[in-house]
């Protein structure tokens, strides 16, 4: 079986969990002899690991002289203009802040360069909505030129591409919901994003969600038939801690780490309030907020107002080995997300021998046993959990030992086999 898969990012060029999950799943699929994956991204950079998957960059596909037909249309598409009230954003952290504003209607004309290809930034830049639709045009060309059995589109950015490939080829579409705009916006949903999400869900033969939490949102907020939605949990890439990762702290104090985007969804304000409570009774602790986002300046101001900046550190965005270096220096990892579809970072912390505290409002809480679970808003319980792990070594050792054993069993190979089973069911259903 050959799978035509559309994503938006691929390691090492990632900004968060989407790229990590897409890579983990495709790597797991590469071990299945009856599966072959063609993975498409808007732009390839040349330094991606293609040993496990065939990678196609939409920026390298000539489209200038292609005759692209969409099912239901009698005329070929040579130039496409989309009129839409869209909101551009400059980077992933600023997006959810800027999408709440309004701008006037504007036309988007898709143009090719002198090589006959379409230029993509491959980033979350100010032309994002332009690129989403340009991506769908190239997707139609790719679908015409390749043989495959099923289409798989990751998250809303790739849904239009998946739909275009489906219409050209007639092959079934599976979409993978890693998050919805209800998670990202705290309920203040952007209508343009919602529309793209809804169109993808309606067009798909099957919807994969990363948790039952997300499944419930898809069913109830997007009015989708429950039989159409199936949960496949994420996993974590095995990582062996080496000498280049483990660093000496250089100080004899405990470290509590928040690692993620500093946005409404991730609950950074609750981390700061809990830190303030802990510091009142335990001064020999340093709190680290590792990440960047639209709430970063506000969080800095709040830490300053609480007069805890001598105990509170902001590192900026971390990726790659820097993530594991930060975890190797941590005594507690905390994810106080307001709404987290899954959350891979607690799994990374657990395999780094760090006890974790996670919000009950996270998908990963559905599968973890050896983690402290608290409501994101309960800063008293959060502070108590931090204090307990830091002051009772036996408790910390128990979470470290059992947590590591638990996370070892969460393999991408299992997720890949689950997705493969879904493919076979979808293909069989579409033939009957």
Protein backbone atom coordinates (compact mmCIF):
# COMPACT_ATOMS: atom_id res chain seq x y z
CA UNK A 1 0.00 0.00 0.00
CA UNK A 2 1.31 3.42 -0.94
CA UNK A 3 0.34 6.47 1.12
CA UNK A 4 0.44 10.05 -0.16
CA UNK A 5 0.94 12.06 3.02
CA UNK A 6 0.76 15.85 3.37
CA UNK A 7 2.34 17.71 6.29
CA UNK A 8 3.66 21.18 6.96
CA UNK A 9 7.02 20.58 8.59
CA UNK A 10 9.62 17.84 8.83
CA UNK A 11 12.69 17.52 11.09
CA UNK A 12 15.01 19.21 11.61
CA UNK A 13 12.84 22.18 10.56
CA UNK A 14 10.09 22.01 13.16
CA UNK A 15 8.45 24.46 15.54
CA UNK A 16 6.57 22.09 17.82
CA UNK A 17 4.73 18.83 18.26
CA UNK A 18 3.23 18.60 14.76
CA UNK A 19 6.54 17.99 13.00
CA UNK A 20 7.74 15.69 15.76
CA UNK A 21 4.59 13.57 15.61
CA UNK A 22 4.52 13.41 11.81
CA UNK A 23 8.11 12.22 11.72
CA UNK A 24 7.61 9.69 14.50
CA UNK A 25 4.60 8.19 12.77
CA UNK A 26 6.26 7.95 9.34
CA UNK A 27 9.36 6.42 10.91
CA UNK A 28 7.16 3.79 12.54
CA UNK A 29 5.45 3.16 9.21
CA UNK A 30 8.81 2.63 7.51
CA UNK A 31 9.19 -0.60 9.49
CA UNK A 32 5.98 -2.03 8.03
CA UNK A 33 6.82 -3.95 4.87
CA UNK A 34 3.39 -3.47 3.31
CA UNK A 35 3.51 0.34 3.56
CA UNK A 36 5.32 2.97 1.50
CA UNK A 37 4.98 6.65 2.35
CA UNK A 38 5.42 9.64 0.06
CA UNK A 39 5.63 12.60 2.45
CA UNK A 40 4.98 16.06 1.00
CA UNK A 41 5.89 19.38 2.65
CA UNK A 42 5.67 22.92 1.23
CA UNK A 43 9.45 23.29 1.17
CA UNK A 44 12.41 20.96 1.49
CA UNK A 45 15.68 22.40 2.73
CA UNK A 46 18.03 19.60 1.74
CA UNK A 47 19.17 18.49 5.18
CA UNK A 48 16.15 16.32 6.06
CA UNK A 49 16.60 12.65 6.89
CA UNK A 50 15.09 10.79 3.94
CA UNK A 51 16.34 7.31 4.83
CA UNK A 52 12.92 6.30 6.15
CA UNK A 53 10.61 8.17 3.81
CA UNK A 54 10.47 9.64 0.32
CA UNK A 55 10.19 13.40 0.81
CA UNK A 56 8.75 15.77 -1.81
CA UNK A 57 8.93 19.54 -1.54
CA UNK A 58 6.02 21.37 -3.16
CA UNK A 59 8.52 24.11 -3.99
CA UNK A 60 10.32 21.69 -6.35
CA UNK A 61 7.29 20.52 -8.35
CA UNK A 62 6.90 22.29 -11.75
CA UNK A 63 3.35 23.52 -12.22
CA UNK A 64 3.64 26.33 -14.78
CA UNK A 65 2.65 24.19 -17.76
CA UNK A 66 0.52 21.63 -15.98
CA UNK A 67 -3.16 21.15 -16.80
CA UNK A 68 -4.78 20.67 -13.45
CA UNK A 69 -8.37 19.40 -13.36
CA UNK A 70 -10.56 19.20 -10.30
CA UNK A 71 -13.42 16.72 -10.21
CA UNK A 72 -16.66 18.51 -10.95
CA UNK A 73 -14.94 21.19 -13.05
CA UNK A 74 -14.87 21.15 -16.85
CA UNK A 75 -12.07 23.60 -17.31
CA UNK A 76 -8.42 23.26 -16.48
CA UNK A 77 -6.87 25.52 -13.89
CA UNK A 78 -3.88 27.54 -15.05
CA UNK A 79 -4.06 30.46 -12.67
CA UNK A 80 -6.03 30.56 -9.44
CA UNK A 81 -7.23 33.63 -7.60
CA UNK A 82 -8.69 33.23 -4.17
CA UNK A 83 -10.69 36.05 -2.62
CA UNK A 84 -10.77 35.60 1.12
CA UNK A 85 -10.86 37.62 4.31
CA UNK A 86 -7.68 36.18 5.77
CA UNK A 87 -5.35 37.10 8.56
CA UNK A 88 -1.63 36.64 8.03
CA UNK A 89 0.78 36.01 10.89
CA UNK A 90 4.47 36.42 11.32
CA UNK A 91 5.43 33.36 13.32
CA UNK A 92 3.66 30.49 15.10
CA UNK A 93 3.77 32.22 18.48
CA UNK A 94 2.12 35.42 17.25
CA UNK A 95 -0.53 33.69 15.12
CA UNK A 96 -3.27 33.17 17.69
CA UNK A 97 -2.96 36.77 18.85
CA UNK A 98 -3.06 38.30 15.37
CA UNK A 99 -5.86 36.12 13.99
CA UNK A 100 -8.30 37.88 16.26
CA UNK A 101 -8.02 41.10 14.22
CA UNK A 102 -9.76 41.88 10.94
CA UNK A 103 -8.37 43.00 7.62
CA UNK A 104 -10.03 43.86 4.33
CA UNK A 105 -10.60 41.38 1.52
CA UNK A 106 -7.71 40.81 -0.80
CA UNK A 107 -7.02 38.67 -3.84
CA UNK A 108 -4.37 35.99 -3.76
CA UNK A 109 -2.81 35.22 -7.12
CA UNK A 110 -0.67 32.12 -7.44
CA UNK A 111 2.43 32.80 -9.50
CA UNK A 112 5.31 30.64 -10.62
CA UNK A 113 9.00 31.51 -10.82
CA UNK A 114 11.27 31.16 -13.86
CA UNK A 115 11.66 27.44 -13.12
CA UNK A 116 7.94 26.88 -13.37
CA UNK A 117 7.65 26.13 -9.67
CA UNK A 118 5.91 27.94 -6.82
CA UNK A 119 7.97 29.57 -4.11
CA UNK A 120 7.22 28.57 -0.53
CA UNK A 121 8.80 29.93 2.63
CA UNK A 122 8.18 26.69 4.46
CA UNK A 123 7.52 28.74 7.58
CA UNK A 124 4.62 30.25 9.48
CA UNK A 125 5.06 33.65 7.90
CA UNK A 126 2.78 36.50 6.94
CA UNK A 127 1.79 34.72 3.70
CA UNK A 128 0.61 31.55 5.44
CA UNK A 129 -2.93 31.47 4.06
CA UNK A 130 -1.57 32.16 0.56
CA UNK A 131 0.77 29.20 0.93
CA UNK A 132 -1.96 26.87 2.18
CA UNK A 133 -3.89 27.36 -1.04
CA UNK A 134 -0.81 27.28 -3.25
CA UNK A 135 0.07 24.02 -1.52
CA UNK A 136 -3.30 22.60 -2.56
CA UNK A 137 -2.63 23.48 -6.21
CA UNK A 138 0.70 21.64 -6.16
CA UNK A 139 -0.95 18.76 -4.32
CA UNK A 140 -3.25 18.24 -7.30
CA UNK A 141 -0.22 18.03 -9.61
CA UNK A 142 1.55 15.57 -7.30
CA UNK A 143 -1.61 13.45 -7.15
CA UNK A 144 -1.73 13.28 -10.93
CA UNK A 145 1.90 12.24 -11.27
CA UNK A 146 2.11 9.58 -8.55
CA UNK A 147 0.48 6.24 -7.91
CA UNK A 148 -0.96 5.75 -4.43
CA UNK A 149 -3.82 4.07 -2.60
CA UNK A 150 -4.78 6.54 0.11
CA UNK A 151 -4.20 10.17 1.17
CA UNK A 152 -3.25 11.27 4.69
CA UNK A 153 -3.24 14.98 5.65
CA UNK A 154 -1.78 16.24 8.94
CA UNK A 155 -3.58 19.13 10.65
CA UNK A 156 -5.56 22.01 9.16
CA UNK A 157 -2.65 23.49 7.21
CA UNK A 158 -2.58 20.41 4.97
CA UNK A 159 -6.33 19.68 4.71
CA UNK A 160 -6.85 21.72 1.50
CA UNK A 161 -3.92 19.86 -0.10
CA UNK A 162 -5.44 16.54 0.91
CA UNK A 163 -8.84 17.55 -0.49
CA UNK A 164 -7.27 18.67 -3.80
CA UNK A 165 -5.41 15.36 -4.14
CA UNK A 166 -8.61 13.47 -3.34
CA UNK A 167 -10.62 15.31 -5.98
CA UNK A 168 -8.01 14.73 -8.67
CA UNK A 169 -7.34 11.07 -7.90
CA UNK A 170 -10.59 9.79 -6.47
CA UNK A 171 -8.62 8.12 -3.67
CA UNK A 172 -9.92 8.20 -0.08
CA UNK A 173 -8.73 10.87 2.34
CA UNK A 174 -7.76 10.39 5.98
CA UNK A 175 -7.08 13.51 8.05
CA UNK A 176 -5.07 13.61 11.28
CA UNK A 177 -6.23 16.14 13.87
CA UNK A 178 -3.28 17.09 16.08
CA UNK A 179 -5.14 20.15 17.44
CA UNK A 180 -8.18 22.28 16.71
CA UNK A 181 -8.65 26.01 16.87
CA UNK A 182 -10.69 25.49 20.02
CA UNK A 183 -7.48 24.32 21.71
CA UNK A 184 -5.31 27.11 20.34
CA UNK A 185 -7.69 30.01 20.83
CA UNK A 186 -9.30 29.20 24.17
CA UNK A 187 -12.71 29.23 22.49
CA UNK A 188 -12.28 32.48 20.52
CA UNK A 189 -12.24 30.56 17.25
CA UNK A 190 -11.03 32.14 14.03
CA UNK A 191 -13.76 31.59 11.38
CA UNK A 192 -11.29 31.07 8.51
CA UNK A 193 -9.36 28.39 10.38
CA UNK A 194 -12.59 26.74 11.54
CA UNK A 195 -13.87 26.65 7.97
CA UNK A 196 -10.72 24.90 6.72
CA UNK A 197 -10.89 22.43 9.60
CA UNK A 198 -14.58 21.72 9.00
CA UNK A 199 -14.10 21.24 5.25
CA UNK A 200 -11.31 18.75 5.89
CA UNK A 201 -13.39 16.79 8.39
CA UNK A 202 -16.42 16.67 6.08
CA UNK A 203 -14.33 15.56 3.09
CA UNK A 204 -12.40 12.83 4.92
CA UNK A 205 -13.44 9.19 4.93
CA UNK A 206 -11.86 8.83 8.36
CA UNK A 207 -10.61 11.27 11.02
CA UNK A 208 -7.72 10.34 13.32
CA UNK A 209 -7.46 12.27 16.58
CA UNK A 210 -4.51 12.19 18.98
CA UNK A 211 -6.68 11.75 22.09
CA UNK A 212 -10.26 11.17 23.19
CA UNK A 213 -10.23 14.78 24.41
CA UNK A 214 -9.69 15.91 20.81
CA UNK A 215 -12.14 13.30 19.51
CA UNK A 216 -14.90 14.80 21.68
CA UNK A 217 -14.13 18.29 20.34
CA UNK A 218 -14.28 17.07 16.73
CA UNK A 219 -17.62 15.34 17.33
CA UNK A 220 -19.30 18.06 19.38
CA UNK A 221 -17.83 21.29 17.99
CA UNK A 222 -17.69 20.28 14.31
CA UNK A 223 -20.82 18.09 14.24
CA UNK A 224 -19.01 14.98 12.98
CA UNK A 225 -20.42 11.44 13.12
CA UNK A 226 -18.68 9.62 16.02
CA UNK A 227 -18.23 6.50 13.88
CA UNK A 228 -16.00 8.53 11.57
CA UNK A 229 -13.54 9.57 14.31
CA UNK A 230 -10.91 7.27 15.85
CA UNK A 231 -8.20 7.98 18.41
CA UNK A 232 -4.58 6.98 17.77
CA UNK A 233 -2.30 8.09 20.59
CA UNK A 234 1.08 9.66 19.91
CA UNK A 235 4.31 8.19 21.23
CA UNK A 236 7.88 9.33 21.82
CA UNK A 237 11.05 8.74 19.87
CA UNK A 238 13.52 6.66 21.92
CA UNK A 239 16.39 8.82 23.11
CA UNK A 240 19.56 7.68 24.79
CA UNK A 241 21.00 10.27 27.18
CA UNK A 242 24.64 10.89 26.32
CA UNK A 243 27.47 12.91 27.83
CA UNK A 244 26.89 15.76 25.36
CA UNK A 245 23.35 16.15 26.69
CA UNK A 246 23.90 15.89 30.45
CA UNK A 247 25.17 19.18 31.86
CA UNK A 248 26.10 20.15 35.39
CA UNK A 249 23.76 22.77 36.80
CA UNK A 250 26.58 24.72 38.37
CA UNK A 251 24.44 25.51 41.43
CA UNK A 252 23.00 23.51 44.30
CA UNK A 253 19.33 24.29 43.78
CA UNK A 254 16.30 22.48 42.44
CA UNK A 255 15.02 23.27 38.94
CA UNK A 256 11.36 23.20 37.84
CA UNK A 257 10.82 23.49 34.09
CA UNK A 258 7.98 24.60 31.83
CA UNK A 259 8.82 23.79 28.20
CA UNK A 260 6.49 24.84 25.40
CA UNK A 261 4.96 27.77 23.56
CA UNK A 262 4.22 30.67 25.89
CA UNK A 263 0.64 31.05 24.70
CA UNK A 264 -2.85 30.93 26.18
CA UNK A 265 -3.23 27.23 25.35
CA UNK A 266 -0.19 26.19 27.40
CA UNK A 267 -1.22 27.90 30.65
CA UNK A 268 2.05 29.76 31.43
CA UNK A 269 0.35 32.14 33.87
CA UNK A 270 -0.63 29.23 36.13
CA UNK A 271 2.98 28.07 36.20
CA UNK A 272 4.13 31.50 37.38
CA UNK A 273 1.46 31.72 40.09
CA UNK A 274 2.33 28.22 41.35
CA UNK A 275 6.04 29.12 41.31
CA UNK A 276 5.32 32.16 43.46
CA UNK A 277 3.54 30.00 46.05
CA UNK A 278 6.40 27.47 46.15
CA UNK A 279 9.05 30.19 46.52
CA UNK A 280 7.31 31.57 49.60
CA UNK A 281 8.08 28.35 51.50
CA UNK A 282 11.07 27.00 49.57
CA UNK A 283 13.51 29.64 48.31
CA UNK A 284 16.21 27.27 47.00
CA UNK A 285 14.36 26.57 43.72
CA UNK A 286 14.80 27.98 40.25
CA UNK A 287 11.89 28.04 37.83
CA UNK A 288 12.55 27.95 34.08
CA UNK A 289 10.13 28.92 31.33
CA UNK A 290 11.67 27.50 28.15
CA UNK A 291 9.91 28.65 25.00
CA UNK A 292 8.63 31.71 23.22
CA UNK A 293 5.24 33.09 22.29
CA UNK A 294 2.84 35.99 22.29
CA UNK A 295 2.45 35.92 26.11
CA UNK A 296 6.17 35.97 26.87
CA UNK A 297 6.44 39.70 27.60
CA UNK A 298 3.33 39.56 29.76
CA UNK A 299 4.79 36.65 31.74
CA UNK A 300 8.03 38.55 32.26
CA UNK A 301 6.07 41.50 33.62
CA UNK A 302 4.11 39.25 35.95
CA UNK A 303 7.27 37.61 37.31
CA UNK A 304 8.71 41.08 37.89
CA UNK A 305 5.54 42.22 39.65
CA UNK A 306 5.76 39.21 41.97
CA UNK A 307 9.45 40.03 42.58
CA UNK A 308 10.62 36.51 41.73
CA UNK A 309 12.81 37.29 38.71
CA UNK A 310 15.93 36.31 40.66
CA UNK A 311 14.43 32.79 40.87
CA UNK A 312 12.72 32.76 37.46
CA UNK A 313 14.44 32.32 34.08
CA UNK A 314 13.29 32.68 30.46
CA UNK A 315 15.43 30.75 27.94
CA UNK A 316 13.61 31.42 24.68
CA UNK A 317 12.72 28.68 22.17
CA UNK A 318 14.63 25.40 22.55
CA UNK A 319 14.85 22.49 20.11
CA UNK A 320 16.89 19.38 19.42
CA UNK A 321 19.55 18.50 21.96
CA UNK A 322 18.91 21.73 23.86
CA UNK A 323 15.55 20.31 24.97
CA UNK A 324 17.17 17.24 26.50
CA UNK A 325 19.96 19.32 28.01
CA UNK A 326 17.34 21.44 29.76
CA UNK A 327 15.51 18.32 30.94
CA UNK A 328 18.75 16.78 32.23
CA UNK A 329 19.09 19.79 34.55
CA UNK A 330 15.47 19.61 35.75
CA UNK A 331 14.08 18.06 38.93
CA UNK A 332 10.43 18.50 37.91
CA UNK A 333 8.74 19.05 34.55
CA UNK A 334 5.32 20.68 34.45
CA UNK A 335 2.75 21.08 31.65
CA UNK A 336 -0.20 23.17 32.96
CA UNK A 337 -1.99 23.34 29.59
CA UNK A 338 -5.49 24.76 29.44
CA UNK A 339 -6.33 22.52 26.48
CA UNK A 340 -3.69 20.12 25.18
CA UNK A 341 -4.77 17.67 22.44
CA UNK A 342 -1.94 15.33 23.43
CA UNK A 343 1.43 16.64 24.65
CA UNK A 344 4.62 14.80 23.68
CA UNK A 345 6.98 16.82 25.89
CA UNK A 346 5.97 15.04 29.16
CA UNK A 347 6.99 11.76 27.51
CA UNK A 348 10.36 13.28 26.62
CA UNK A 349 10.75 14.38 30.24
CA UNK A 350 9.86 10.94 31.60
CA UNK A 351 12.43 9.20 29.43
CA UNK A 352 14.94 11.79 30.67
CA UNK A 353 14.29 10.62 34.25
CA UNK A 354 12.30 13.69 35.26
CA UNK A 355 9.06 13.46 37.30
CA UNK A 356 6.18 15.16 35.51
CA UNK A 357 3.12 17.16 36.52
CA UNK A 358 0.48 17.50 33.82
CA UNK A 359 -2.95 19.09 33.56
CA UNK A 360 -6.02 16.88 33.54
CA UNK A 361 -7.04 18.87 30.47
CA UNK A 362 -4.41 17.12 28.31
CA UNK A 363 -4.73 14.14 26.02
CA UNK A 364 -1.57 12.53 27.35
CA UNK A 365 -3.20 12.29 30.79
CA UNK A 366 -5.50 9.62 29.30
CA UNK A 367 -2.62 7.17 28.91
CA UNK A 368 -0.18 8.05 31.71
CA UNK A 369 -0.39 6.48 35.15
CA UNK A 370 2.87 7.59 36.75
CA UNK A 371 2.42 11.34 36.46
CA UNK A 372 0.85 13.86 38.83
CA UNK A 373 -2.39 15.16 37.30
CA UNK A 374 -3.92 18.47 38.36
CA UNK A 375 -6.51 20.87 36.99
CA UNK A 376 -4.71 23.67 35.13
CA UNK A 377 -6.47 26.32 37.20
CA UNK A 378 -5.66 24.78 40.60
CA UNK A 379 -2.41 26.56 41.42
CA UNK A 380 -2.58 25.42 45.04
CA UNK A 381 -2.59 21.74 44.07
CA UNK A 382 0.08 22.45 41.46
CA UNK A 383 2.31 24.13 44.05
CA UNK A 384 1.74 21.26 46.50
CA UNK A 385 2.76 18.72 43.84
CA UNK A 386 5.95 20.64 43.03
CA UNK A 387 6.82 20.96 46.73
CA UNK A 388 6.15 17.28 47.40
CA UNK A 389 8.35 15.97 44.58
CA UNK A 390 11.20 18.33 45.48
CA UNK A 391 11.15 17.53 49.19
CA UNK A 392 10.46 13.79 49.25
CA UNK A 393 13.24 11.93 47.39
CA UNK A 394 11.44 8.58 47.63
CA UNK A 395 8.41 10.06 45.86
CA UNK A 396 10.58 11.51 43.10
CA UNK A 397 12.42 8.19 42.64
CA UNK A 398 9.13 6.33 42.37
CA UNK A 399 7.88 8.64 39.60
CA UNK A 400 11.23 8.45 37.78
CA UNK A 401 11.47 4.64 37.86
CA UNK A 402 7.85 3.83 37.03
CA UNK A 403 7.52 6.72 34.60
CA UNK A 404 10.48 5.59 32.53
CA UNK A 405 9.18 2.02 32.41
CA UNK A 406 5.79 3.32 31.33
CA UNK A 407 7.04 5.59 28.57
CA UNK A 408 9.24 2.87 27.06
CA UNK A 409 6.05 1.01 26.10
CA UNK A 410 4.69 4.00 24.15
CA UNK A 411 6.19 3.28 20.72
CA UNK A 412 5.54 4.88 17.36
CA UNK A 413 5.57 1.36 15.89
CA UNK A 414 2.28 0.67 17.70
CA UNK A 415 0.74 3.93 16.48
CA UNK A 416 1.87 3.14 12.93
CA UNK A 417 0.23 -0.30 12.99
CA UNK A 418 -3.00 1.26 14.27
CA UNK A 419 -3.00 3.81 11.43
CA UNK A 420 -2.25 1.06 8.89
CA UNK A 421 -5.31 -0.85 10.10
CA UNK A 422 -7.39 2.29 9.57
CA UNK A 423 -6.04 2.61 6.00
CA UNK A 424 -7.08 -0.94 5.12
CA UNK A 425 -10.57 -0.41 6.55
CA UNK A 426 -11.02 2.88 4.68
CA UNK A 427 -9.86 1.42 1.36
CA UNK A 428 -12.15 -1.60 1.78
CA UNK A 429 -15.12 0.61 2.66
CA UNK A 430 -14.54 2.84 -0.37
CA UNK A 431 -14.50 -0.17 -2.68
CA UNK A 432 -17.89 -1.35 -1.44
